[in-house]
Amino acid sequence: MLTLASKLKRDDGLKGSRTSASTSDSTRRVSVRDKLLVKGTCKVHFPDPNKLHCFQLTVSPDEGYYQGGKFQFETEVPDAYNMVPPKVKCLTKIWHPNITETGEICLSLLREHSIDGTGWAPTRTLKDVVWGLNSLFTDLLNFDDPLNIEAAEHHLRDKEDFRDKVDEYIKRYAR
């Protein structure tokens, strides 16, 4: 059976970079974690290394409207995890149909109860949350069911002006 860890190890071996025997397991785990975090467009930071349930995620989209911006999300994993979803807030002011300017996020997997059945389930993981937040800037960008109605209507009205406003927000808040 091919696992992600064995694939990454094989890929590293092909590149000629062998892990030395003295490298600790935690260093290897960090390396695997970093590779999992969406090919470099996402980065995790623990402000307090003693509180692993609170971390920040920075998403740096490499395509689309939000390319070039760095968007920071605060994530808190509650005591009842994995029966309830983590609490996530966008700390970067953004002009986005699925994120309000105050940081609330419309992402179904972050909802404990979802009408469409795609909400949080105990089988979901933090990796799913990272992938979901990253995807809000690409394939999950949704103008048809917005949280920020004004941003969605702006896009429908004038796509070029919408792009200009997104660029303005990136220059002002997301560098």
C-alpha atoms as a PDB file:
ATOM      1  CA  MET A   1       0.000   0.000   0.000  1.00  0.00           C
ATOM      2  CA  LEU A   2       1.326   3.403  -0.955  1.00  0.00           C
ATOM      3  CA  THR A   3       1.089   5.948   1.840  1.00  0.00           C
ATOM      4  CA  LEU A   4       1.780   9.656   1.677  1.00  0.00           C
ATOM      5  CA  ALA A   5       4.803   9.288   3.955  1.00  0.00           C
ATOM      6  CA  SER A   6       6.322   6.599   1.739  1.00  0.00           C
ATOM      7  CA  LYS A   7       5.599   8.633  -1.403  1.00  0.00           C
ATOM      8  CA  LEU A   8       7.266  11.721   0.068  1.00  0.00           C
ATOM      9  CA  LYS A   9      10.235   9.636   1.195  1.00  0.00           C
ATOM     10  CA  ARG A  10      10.533   8.138  -2.297  1.00  0.00           C
ATOM     11  CA  ASP A  11      10.233  11.584  -3.920  1.00  0.00           C
ATOM     12  CA  ASP A  12      12.936  12.953  -1.622  1.00  0.00           C
ATOM     13  CA  GLY A  13      15.155   9.976  -2.479  1.00  0.00           C
ATOM     14  CA  LEU A  14      14.724  10.677  -6.191  1.00  0.00           C
ATOM     15  CA  LYS A  15      15.895  14.228  -5.621  1.00  0.00           C
ATOM     16  CA  GLY A  16      19.026  12.927  -3.930  1.00  0.00           C
ATOM     17  CA  SER A  17      18.227  14.405  -0.538  1.00  0.00           C
ATOM     18  CA  ARG A  18      18.343  11.563   1.944  1.00  0.00           C
ATOM     19  CA  THR A  19      17.271  12.130   5.522  1.00  0.00           C
ATOM     20  CA  SER A  20      20.148  11.469   7.888  1.00  0.00           C
ATOM     21  CA  ALA A  21      19.738   8.898  10.623  1.00  0.00           C
ATOM     22  CA  SER A  22      20.228  11.612  13.228  1.00  0.00           C
ATOM     23  CA  THR A  23      17.150  13.562  12.084  1.00  0.00           C
ATOM     24  CA  SER A  24      14.477  13.351  14.764  1.00  0.00           C
ATOM     25  CA  ASP A  25      10.959  12.027  14.147  1.00  0.00           C
ATOM     26  CA  SER A  26       9.479  15.426  14.985  1.00  0.00           C
ATOM     27  CA  THR A  27      11.595  17.086  12.296  1.00  0.00           C
ATOM     28  CA  ARG A  28      10.392  14.542   9.751  1.00  0.00           C
ATOM     29  CA  ARG A  29       6.778  15.038  10.863  1.00  0.00           C
ATOM     30  CA  VAL A  30       7.094  18.785  10.411  1.00  0.00           C
ATOM     31  CA  SER A  31       8.482  18.199   6.937  1.00  0.00           C
ATOM     32  CA  VAL A  32       5.566  15.907   6.016  1.00  0.00           C
ATOM     33  CA  ARG A  33       3.089  18.379   7.523  1.00  0.00           C
ATOM     34  CA  ASP A  34       4.567  21.269   5.572  1.00  0.00           C
ATOM     35  CA  LYS A  35       4.381  19.279   2.333  1.00  0.00           C
ATOM     36  CA  LEU A  36       0.759  18.414   3.053  1.00  0.00           C
ATOM     37  CA  LEU A  37      -0.172  22.041   3.475  1.00  0.00           C
ATOM     38  CA  VAL A  38      -1.246  22.656  -0.057  1.00  0.00           C
ATOM     39  CA  LYS A  39       2.022  22.742  -1.963  1.00  0.00           C
ATOM     40  CA  GLY A  40       3.402  25.835  -0.287  1.00  0.00           C
ATOM     41  CA  THR A  41       0.355  28.085  -0.554  1.00  0.00           C
ATOM     42  CA  CYS A  42      -0.467  27.495   3.127  1.00  0.00           C
ATOM     43  CA  LYS A  43       1.727  27.933   6.161  1.00  0.00           C
ATOM     44  CA  VAL A  44       0.931  27.101   9.791  1.00  0.00           C
ATOM     45  CA  HIS A  45       2.248  29.134  12.710  1.00  0.00           C
ATOM     46  CA  PHE A  46       1.794  28.402  16.407  1.00  0.00           C
ATOM     47  CA  PRO A  47       1.958  31.751  18.293  1.00  0.00           C
ATOM     48  CA  ASP A  48       2.227  29.832  21.579  1.00  0.00           C
ATOM     49  CA  PRO A  49       3.933  26.437  21.158  1.00  0.00           C
ATOM     50  CA  ASN A  50       2.314  25.334  24.434  1.00  0.00           C
ATOM     51  CA  LYS A  51      -1.175  25.791  22.971  1.00  0.00           C
ATOM     52  CA  LEU A  52      -1.324  23.449  19.993  1.00  0.00           C
ATOM     53  CA  HIS A  53      -5.100  23.902  19.833  1.00  0.00           C
ATOM     54  CA  CYS A  54      -4.645  27.530  18.710  1.00  0.00           C
ATOM     55  CA  PHE A  55      -2.772  28.224  15.512  1.00  0.00           C
ATOM     56  CA  GLN A  56      -2.655  30.627  12.601  1.00  0.00           C
ATOM     57  CA  LEU A  57      -2.804  29.643   8.963  1.00  0.00           C
ATOM     58  CA  THR A  58      -1.502  31.905   6.222  1.00  0.00           C
ATOM     59  CA  VAL A  59      -2.885  31.286   2.733  1.00  0.00           C
ATOM     60  CA  SER A  60      -0.929  32.793  -0.175  1.00  0.00           C
ATOM     61  CA  PRO A  61      -2.903  31.995  -3.347  1.00  0.00           C
ATOM     62  CA  ASP A  62      -0.786  31.456  -6.439  1.00  0.00           C
ATOM     63  CA  GLU A  63      -3.627  31.952  -8.924  1.00  0.00           C
ATOM     64  CA  GLY A  64      -6.920  33.772  -9.363  1.00  0.00           C
ATOM     65  CA  TYR A  65      -8.218  37.090  -8.049  1.00  0.00           C
ATOM     66  CA  TYR A  66      -6.303  36.830  -4.768  1.00  0.00           C
ATOM     67  CA  GLN A  67      -2.890  35.913  -6.196  1.00  0.00           C
ATOM     68  CA  GLY A  68      -0.109  37.802  -4.448  1.00  0.00           C
ATOM     69  CA  GLY A  69      -1.990  38.300  -1.182  1.00  0.00           C
ATOM     70  CA  LYS A  70      -1.268  36.740   2.201  1.00  0.00           C
ATOM     71  CA  PHE A  71      -4.407  36.009   4.162  1.00  0.00           C
ATOM     72  CA  GLN A  72      -4.188  35.041   7.803  1.00  0.00           C
ATOM     73  CA  PHE A  73      -6.720  32.831   9.575  1.00  0.00           C
ATOM     74  CA  GLU A  74      -6.940  32.171  13.299  1.00  0.00           C
ATOM     75  CA  THR A  75      -7.972  28.629  14.180  1.00  0.00           C
ATOM     76  CA  GLU A  76      -9.030  27.339  17.568  1.00  0.00           C
ATOM     77  CA  VAL A  77      -9.692  23.663  18.071  1.00  0.00           C
ATOM     78  CA  PRO A  78     -12.350  23.265  20.816  1.00  0.00           C
ATOM     79  CA  ASP A  79     -12.273  20.644  23.560  1.00  0.00           C
ATOM     80  CA  ALA A  80     -15.145  18.796  21.862  1.00  0.00           C
ATOM     81  CA  TYR A  81     -13.126  18.340  18.631  1.00  0.00           C
ATOM     82  CA  ASN A  82     -13.666  16.169  16.543  1.00  0.00           C
ATOM     83  CA  MET A  83     -17.355  16.082  17.300  1.00  0.00           C
ATOM     84  CA  VAL A  84     -17.540  19.835  16.569  1.00  0.00           C
ATOM     85  CA  PRO A  85     -15.598  21.831  13.974  1.00  0.00           C
ATOM     86  CA  PRO A  86     -12.729  24.154  14.767  1.00  0.00           C
ATOM     87  CA  LYS A  87     -13.525  27.849  15.053  1.00  0.00           C
ATOM     88  CA  VAL A  88     -11.875  29.815  12.256  1.00  0.00           C
ATOM     89  CA  LYS A  89     -11.751  33.557  11.657  1.00  0.00           C
ATOM     90  CA  CYS A  90     -10.048  35.530   8.897  1.00  0.00           C
ATOM     91  CA  LEU A  91      -7.732  38.118  10.461  1.00  0.00           C
ATOM     92  CA  THR A  92      -6.958  39.863   7.162  1.00  0.00           C
ATOM     93  CA  LYS A  93      -9.442  42.398   5.834  1.00  0.00           C
ATOM     94  CA  ILE A  94     -10.551  41.072   2.461  1.00  0.00           C
ATOM     95  CA  TRP A  95     -13.064  41.777  -0.321  1.00  0.00           C
ATOM     96  CA  HIS A  96     -14.464  38.288  -0.870  1.00  0.00           C
ATOM     97  CA  PRO A  97     -17.987  36.922  -1.418  1.00  0.00           C
ATOM     98  CA  ASN A  98     -17.519  34.148   1.155  1.00  0.00           C
ATOM     99  CA  ILE A  99     -15.620  36.082   3.834  1.00  0.00           C
ATOM    100  CA  THR A 100     -16.929  39.222   5.517  1.00  0.00           C
ATOM    101  CA  GLU A 101     -14.736  42.226   6.160  1.00  0.00           C
ATOM    102  CA  THR A 102     -14.972  41.368   9.873  1.00  0.00           C
ATOM    103  CA  GLY A 103     -13.600  37.861   9.308  1.00  0.00           C
ATOM    104  CA  GLU A 104     -16.604  35.528   9.340  1.00  0.00           C
ATOM    105  CA  ILE A 105     -16.239  32.667   6.870  1.00  0.00           C
ATOM    106  CA  CYS A 106     -18.838  30.856   4.794  1.00  0.00           C
ATOM    107  CA  LEU A 107     -17.421  27.362   4.359  1.00  0.00           C
ATOM    108  CA  SER A 108     -19.838  24.494   4.852  1.00  0.00           C
ATOM    109  CA  LEU A 109     -17.333  22.148   6.483  1.00  0.00           C
ATOM    110  CA  LEU A 110     -16.932  24.691   9.306  1.00  0.00           C
ATOM    111  CA  ARG A 111     -20.643  24.412  10.130  1.00  0.00           C
ATOM    112  CA  GLU A 112     -21.700  21.965  12.774  1.00  0.00           C
ATOM    113  CA  HIS A 113     -25.075  21.523  11.084  1.00  0.00           C
ATOM    114  CA  SER A 114     -25.328  21.960   7.337  1.00  0.00           C
ATOM    115  CA  ILE A 115     -28.464  21.729   5.212  1.00  0.00           C
ATOM    116  CA  ASP A 116     -26.567  20.342   2.213  1.00  0.00           C
ATOM    117  CA  GLY A 117     -24.930  17.555   4.242  1.00  0.00           C
ATOM    118  CA  THR A 118     -21.398  18.827   3.566  1.00  0.00           C
ATOM    119  CA  GLY A 119     -20.916  20.297   7.020  1.00  0.00           C
ATOM    120  CA  TRP A 120     -18.625  19.097   9.767  1.00  0.00           C
ATOM    121  CA  ALA A 121     -18.474  15.394  10.529  1.00  0.00           C
ATOM    122  CA  PRO A 122     -16.268  13.553  13.050  1.00  0.00           C
ATOM    123  CA  THR A 123     -14.476  11.953  10.096  1.00  0.00           C
ATOM    124  CA  ARG A 124     -13.166  15.331   8.917  1.00  0.00           C
ATOM    125  CA  THR A 125      -9.695  16.479   9.881  1.00  0.00           C
ATOM    126  CA  LEU A 126      -7.762  19.713  10.254  1.00  0.00           C
ATOM    127  CA  LYS A 127      -6.213  18.937   6.887  1.00  0.00           C
ATOM    128  CA  ASP A 128      -9.733  19.230   5.400  1.00  0.00           C
ATOM    129  CA  VAL A 129     -10.039  22.670   7.015  1.00  0.00           C
ATOM    130  CA  VAL A 130      -6.700  23.776   5.520  1.00  0.00           C
ATOM    131  CA  TRP A 131      -7.717  22.502   2.074  1.00  0.00           C
ATOM    132  CA  GLY A 132     -11.129  24.188   2.401  1.00  0.00           C
ATOM    133  CA  LEU A 133      -9.689  27.569   3.375  1.00  0.00           C
ATOM    134  CA  ASN A 134      -7.160  27.381   0.555  1.00  0.00           C
ATOM    135  CA  SER A 135      -9.938  26.460  -1.884  1.00  0.00           C
ATOM    136  CA  LEU A 136     -11.965  29.549  -0.930  1.00  0.00           C
ATOM    137  CA  PHE A 137      -9.514  31.418  -3.159  1.00  0.00           C
ATOM    138  CA  THR A 138      -9.913  29.083  -6.149  1.00  0.00           C
ATOM    139  CA  ASP A 139     -12.503  26.384  -6.782  1.00  0.00           C
ATOM    140  CA  LEU A 140     -14.747  27.102  -3.755  1.00  0.00           C
ATOM    141  CA  LEU A 141     -15.015  30.822  -4.528  1.00  0.00           C
ATOM    142  CA  ASN A 142     -18.815  31.128  -4.628  1.00  0.00           C
ATOM    143  CA  PHE A 143     -20.649  34.187  -5.967  1.00  0.00           C
ATOM    144  CA  ASP A 144     -24.039  32.410  -6.056  1.00  0.00           C
ATOM    145  CA  ASP A 145     -24.448  31.815  -2.297  1.00  0.00           C
ATOM    146  CA  PRO A 146     -22.439  34.634  -0.699  1.00  0.00           C
ATOM    147  CA  LEU A 147     -21.913  35.670   2.889  1.00  0.00           C
ATOM    148  CA  ASN A 148     -20.681  39.077   1.739  1.00  0.00           C
ATOM    149  CA  ILE A 149     -23.578  39.942  -0.569  1.00  0.00           C
ATOM    150  CA  GLU A 150     -22.114  43.317  -1.486  1.00  0.00           C
ATOM    151  CA  ALA A 151     -18.887  41.715  -2.798  1.00  0.00           C
ATOM    152  CA  ALA A 152     -20.831  39.125  -4.811  1.00  0.00           C
ATOM    153  CA  GLU A 153     -23.124  41.762  -6.349  1.00  0.00           C
ATOM    154  CA  HIS A 154     -20.062  43.892  -7.130  1.00  0.00           C
ATOM    155  CA  HIS A 155     -18.581  40.951  -9.066  1.00  0.00           C
ATOM    156  CA  LEU A 156     -21.813  40.407 -10.992  1.00  0.00           C
ATOM    157  CA  ARG A 157     -22.092  44.109 -11.791  1.00  0.00           C
ATOM    158  CA  ASP A 158     -18.507  44.770 -12.909  1.00  0.00           C
ATOM    159  CA  LYS A 159     -15.855  42.044 -12.851  1.00  0.00           C
ATOM    160  CA  GLU A 160     -13.025  44.411 -13.750  1.00  0.00           C
ATOM    161  CA  ASP A 161     -13.904  46.865 -10.962  1.00  0.00           C
ATOM    162  CA  PHE A 162     -14.271  43.900  -8.573  1.00  0.00           C
ATOM    163  CA  ARG A 163     -10.726  42.796  -9.461  1.00  0.00           C
ATOM    164  CA  ASP A 164      -9.478  46.364  -8.891  1.00  0.00           C
ATOM    165  CA  LYS A 165     -11.078  46.441  -5.434  1.00  0.00           C
ATOM    166  CA  VAL A 166      -9.604  43.035  -4.549  1.00  0.00           C
ATOM    167  CA  ASP A 167      -6.173  44.315  -5.657  1.00  0.00           C
ATOM    168  CA  GLU A 168      -6.639  47.452  -3.540  1.00  0.00           C
ATOM    169  CA  TYR A 169      -7.460  45.338  -0.474  1.00  0.00           C
ATOM    170  CA  ILE A 170      -4.445  43.101  -1.118  1.00  0.00           C
ATOM    171  CA  LYS A 171      -2.117  46.105  -1.378  1.00  0.00           C
ATOM    172  CA  ARG A 172      -3.574  47.684   1.751  1.00  0.00           C
ATOM    173  CA  TYR A 173      -4.153  44.694   4.047  1.00  0.00           C
ATOM    174  CA  ALA A 174      -2.618  41.484   2.653  1.00  0.00           C
ATOM    175  CA  ARG A 175       1.077  42.109   1.972  1.00  0.00           C
END
